[in-house]
Amino acid sequence: YMPYEQACYLYPKAKEILDKNRIVSGDNRRNYQEGSNSAVPHRYYDSVELYQYWEKGLPTNGFLGRFCVCTRNGEPITEVKPNPERYKGVRKGKT
């Protein structure tokens, strides 16, 4: 989860997609409802659920791998690029 404002700053070209996937709830004020004596503030959040897709370099992708940021349903926020970690080996055991 990433704050909505931060996501808009990092991915300005995808603002329309971010708006569709925005999660907003509550408010910052204390909620005094009739019949309720609770002064506990309700939690407020304004965020977007984003995922990072990492694919390691394989013969099927020309040993480039793939990387992108996408929404929960797989809609890309960034363009699909070669994996920046494609040549990094897998660590075995403790270091």
Protein backbone atom coordinates (compact mmCIF):
# COMPACT_ATOMS: atom_id res chain seq x y z
CA TYR A 1 0.00 0.00 0.00
CA MET A 2 1.26 3.44 -0.91
CA PRO A 3 -0.22 6.83 0.00
CA TYR A 4 -2.25 8.16 -2.92
CA GLU A 5 -0.35 11.46 -3.08
CA GLN A 6 3.00 9.66 -3.21
CA ALA A 7 1.77 7.34 -5.99
CA CYS A 8 0.59 10.36 -8.02
CA TYR A 9 3.99 11.98 -7.55
CA LEU A 10 5.93 8.86 -8.59
CA TYR A 11 3.63 7.85 -11.48
CA PRO A 12 2.01 11.04 -12.86
CA LYS A 13 1.24 9.45 -16.25
CA ALA A 14 -0.91 6.81 -14.53
CA LYS A 15 -3.13 9.20 -12.51
CA GLU A 16 -6.31 7.92 -14.16
CA ILE A 17 -5.48 4.31 -13.24
CA LEU A 18 -4.52 5.37 -9.70
CA ASP A 19 -7.85 7.19 -9.33
CA LYS A 20 -9.73 4.00 -10.25
CA ASN A 21 -7.78 2.00 -7.65
CA ARG A 22 -7.82 4.58 -4.85
CA ILE A 23 -8.81 3.37 -1.37
CA VAL A 24 -10.26 6.08 0.89
CA SER A 25 -11.84 5.56 4.27
CA GLY A 26 -12.84 7.51 7.33
CA ASP A 27 -11.89 11.04 8.33
CA ASN A 28 -9.52 12.69 10.77
CA ARG A 29 -12.23 14.10 13.05
CA ARG A 30 -13.53 12.47 16.18
CA ASN A 31 -16.91 10.97 15.53
CA TYR A 32 -19.52 11.75 18.19
CA GLN A 33 -22.60 9.87 17.01
CA GLU A 34 -25.93 9.90 18.76
CA GLY A 35 -26.06 7.13 21.33
CA SER A 36 -22.30 6.66 21.21
CA ASN A 37 -20.04 7.91 23.96
CA SER A 38 -16.83 6.99 22.15
CA ALA A 39 -14.34 9.77 21.51
CA VAL A 40 -11.95 7.46 19.69
CA PRO A 41 -10.94 8.90 16.33
CA HIS A 42 -11.72 6.83 13.27
CA ARG A 43 -8.77 5.83 11.19
CA TYR A 44 -8.30 7.72 7.94
CA TYR A 45 -6.38 6.46 4.97
CA ASP A 46 -6.05 7.43 1.34
CA SER A 47 -3.93 4.88 -0.46
CA VAL A 48 -3.41 2.74 -3.54
CA GLU A 49 -2.57 -0.97 -3.58
CA LEU A 50 0.35 -1.51 -5.96
CA TYR A 51 2.45 -4.54 -6.79
CA GLN A 52 5.92 -4.96 -8.26
CA TYR A 53 6.20 -7.66 -10.93
CA TRP A 54 9.68 -9.20 -11.11
CA GLU A 55 10.61 -11.88 -13.62
CA LYS A 56 14.14 -13.21 -13.67
CA GLY A 57 16.17 -13.50 -16.87
CA LEU A 58 15.28 -16.73 -18.68
CA PRO A 59 15.83 -18.07 -22.20
CA THR A 60 12.13 -17.39 -22.90
CA ASN A 61 12.60 -13.64 -22.32
CA GLY A 62 16.02 -13.24 -23.88
CA PHE A 63 17.70 -13.34 -20.44
CA LEU A 64 16.41 -9.82 -19.81
CA GLY A 65 13.71 -10.57 -17.29
CA ARG A 66 10.83 -8.17 -16.77
CA PHE A 67 9.91 -5.56 -14.21
CA CYS A 68 6.93 -3.25 -13.79
CA VAL A 69 4.64 -1.76 -11.19
CA CYS A 70 1.00 -2.80 -11.55
CA THR A 71 -2.37 -2.76 -9.82
CA ARG A 72 -4.00 -5.72 -8.12
CA ASN A 73 -5.73 -6.77 -11.35
CA GLY A 74 -2.46 -6.59 -13.33
CA GLU A 75 -2.97 -3.25 -15.06
CA PRO A 76 0.54 -1.79 -15.54
CA ILE A 77 1.32 1.55 -13.92
CA THR A 78 4.80 1.72 -15.48
CA GLU A 79 6.00 0.32 -18.76
CA VAL A 80 7.39 -3.22 -18.67
CA LYS A 81 11.18 -2.90 -18.60
CA PRO A 82 14.08 -5.35 -18.39
CA ASN A 83 14.66 -6.54 -14.84
CA PRO A 84 17.42 -4.38 -13.30
CA GLU A 85 18.43 -7.38 -11.13
CA ARG A 86 18.45 -9.96 -13.96
CA TYR A 87 22.10 -10.95 -13.52
CA LYS A 88 22.09 -11.03 -9.75
CA GLY A 89 22.66 -14.56 -8.48
CA VAL A 90 20.57 -16.31 -5.89
CA ARG A 91 22.24 -16.48 -2.48
CA LYS A 92 22.56 -19.91 -0.98
CA GLY A 93 23.03 -20.41 2.72
CA LYS A 94 24.01 -17.77 5.22
CA THR A 95 26.29 -14.87 4.37
